[in-house]
Amino acid sequence: MLIVLITEAISMANRIVVLSGRPCKVKKIFEVNLTNASTPIENRKCKEFPIYYDQIWKEIDYRG
């Protein structure tokens, strides 16, 4: 489920906020700037998409 939320956020948002665990604090803010941005489906084809995905996933450091 988390993977789907990350891809949706990248394809639809201009900014993504990663929060820490409890107590919740802002861990990092990503400004999303996709080249040739248009629709959410087309945005997933942008060359920056996998870069944002990897950066956000590493920042979350999700261990289940």
C-alpha atoms as a PDB file:
ATOM      1  CA  MET A   1       0.000   0.000   0.000  1.00  0.00           C
ATOM      2  CA  LEU A   2       2.820   2.409   0.832  1.00  0.00           C
ATOM      3  CA  ILE A   3       4.337   1.935  -2.634  1.00  0.00           C
ATOM      4  CA  VAL A   4       1.068   2.968  -4.282  1.00  0.00           C
ATOM      5  CA  LEU A   5       0.847   6.069  -2.095  1.00  0.00           C
ATOM      6  CA  ILE A   6       4.390   7.135  -3.016  1.00  0.00           C
ATOM      7  CA  THR A   7       3.758   6.796  -6.745  1.00  0.00           C
ATOM      8  CA  GLU A   8       0.440   8.633  -6.469  1.00  0.00           C
ATOM      9  CA  ALA A   9       2.034  11.436  -4.491  1.00  0.00           C
ATOM     10  CA  ILE A  10       4.861  11.904  -7.005  1.00  0.00           C
ATOM     11  CA  SER A  11       2.539  11.864  -9.995  1.00  0.00           C
ATOM     12  CA  MET A  12      -0.030  14.266  -8.506  1.00  0.00           C
ATOM     13  CA  ALA A  13       1.707  16.602  -6.042  1.00  0.00           C
ATOM     14  CA  ASN A  14       4.040  19.578  -6.234  1.00  0.00           C
ATOM     15  CA  ARG A  15       5.363  18.930  -2.747  1.00  0.00           C
ATOM     16  CA  ILE A  16       5.734  15.768  -0.663  1.00  0.00           C
ATOM     17  CA  VAL A  17       6.298  15.872   3.093  1.00  0.00           C
ATOM     18  CA  VAL A  18       7.922  12.865   4.764  1.00  0.00           C
ATOM     19  CA  LEU A  19       7.146  12.582   8.457  1.00  0.00           C
ATOM     20  CA  SER A  20       9.129  10.799  11.148  1.00  0.00           C
ATOM     21  CA  GLY A  21       7.754   8.184  13.495  1.00  0.00           C
ATOM     22  CA  ARG A  22       6.182   9.036  16.811  1.00  0.00           C
ATOM     23  CA  PRO A  23       6.381  11.727  17.943  1.00  0.00           C
ATOM     24  CA  CYS A  24       5.726  12.933  14.427  1.00  0.00           C
ATOM     25  CA  LYS A  25       8.012  15.627  13.016  1.00  0.00           C
ATOM     26  CA  VAL A  26       8.683  16.831   9.493  1.00  0.00           C
ATOM     27  CA  LYS A  27      11.640  14.770   8.350  1.00  0.00           C
ATOM     28  CA  LYS A  28      12.056  16.128   4.815  1.00  0.00           C
ATOM     29  CA  ILE A  29      10.129  18.087   2.206  1.00  0.00           C
ATOM     30  CA  PHE A  30      10.503  17.195  -1.469  1.00  0.00           C
ATOM     31  CA  GLU A  31       9.628  19.791  -4.115  1.00  0.00           C
ATOM     32  CA  VAL A  32       8.412  17.763  -7.109  1.00  0.00           C
ATOM     33  CA  ASN A  33       9.325  19.267 -10.484  1.00  0.00           C
ATOM     34  CA  LEU A  34       8.598  16.886 -13.337  1.00  0.00           C
ATOM     35  CA  THR A  35       9.536  17.762 -16.912  1.00  0.00           C
ATOM     36  CA  ASN A  36       6.659  17.534 -19.362  1.00  0.00           C
ATOM     37  CA  ALA A  37       4.179  17.205 -16.496  1.00  0.00           C
ATOM     38  CA  SER A  38       0.596  16.770 -17.660  1.00  0.00           C
ATOM     39  CA  THR A  39      -1.687  14.026 -16.337  1.00  0.00           C
ATOM     40  CA  PRO A  40      -0.857  11.745 -13.399  1.00  0.00           C
ATOM     41  CA  ILE A  41      -0.451   8.774 -15.738  1.00  0.00           C
ATOM     42  CA  GLU A  42       1.848  10.687 -18.092  1.00  0.00           C
ATOM     43  CA  ASN A  43       3.800  12.086 -15.135  1.00  0.00           C
ATOM     44  CA  ARG A  44       4.924   8.559 -14.255  1.00  0.00           C
ATOM     45  CA  LYS A  45       6.819   8.480 -17.561  1.00  0.00           C
ATOM     46  CA  CYS A  46       8.917  11.556 -16.711  1.00  0.00           C
ATOM     47  CA  LYS A  47      12.641  10.844 -16.355  1.00  0.00           C
ATOM     48  CA  GLU A  48      12.688  12.311 -12.823  1.00  0.00           C
ATOM     49  CA  PHE A  49       9.929  10.031 -11.537  1.00  0.00           C
ATOM     50  CA  PRO A  50      12.144   7.075 -10.516  1.00  0.00           C
ATOM     51  CA  ILE A  51      14.669   9.463  -8.947  1.00  0.00           C
ATOM     52  CA  TYR A  52      12.007  10.973  -6.686  1.00  0.00           C
ATOM     53  CA  TYR A  53      10.668   7.489  -5.926  1.00  0.00           C
ATOM     54  CA  ASP A  54      14.092   6.236  -4.781  1.00  0.00           C
ATOM     55  CA  GLN A  55      14.843   9.366  -2.738  1.00  0.00           C
ATOM     56  CA  ILE A  56      11.491   9.282  -0.946  1.00  0.00           C
ATOM     57  CA  TRP A  57      11.655   5.548  -0.290  1.00  0.00           C
ATOM     58  CA  LYS A  58      15.145   5.917   1.247  1.00  0.00           C
ATOM     59  CA  GLU A  59      13.983   8.838   3.385  1.00  0.00           C
ATOM     60  CA  ILE A  60      11.024   6.819   4.720  1.00  0.00           C
ATOM     61  CA  ASP A  61      13.304   3.907   5.636  1.00  0.00           C
ATOM     62  CA  TYR A  62      10.248   1.685   5.985  1.00  0.00           C
ATOM     63  CA  ARG A  63      10.923  -1.638   7.713  1.00  0.00           C
ATOM     64  CA  GLY A  64       7.421  -3.069   7.767  1.00  0.00           C
END
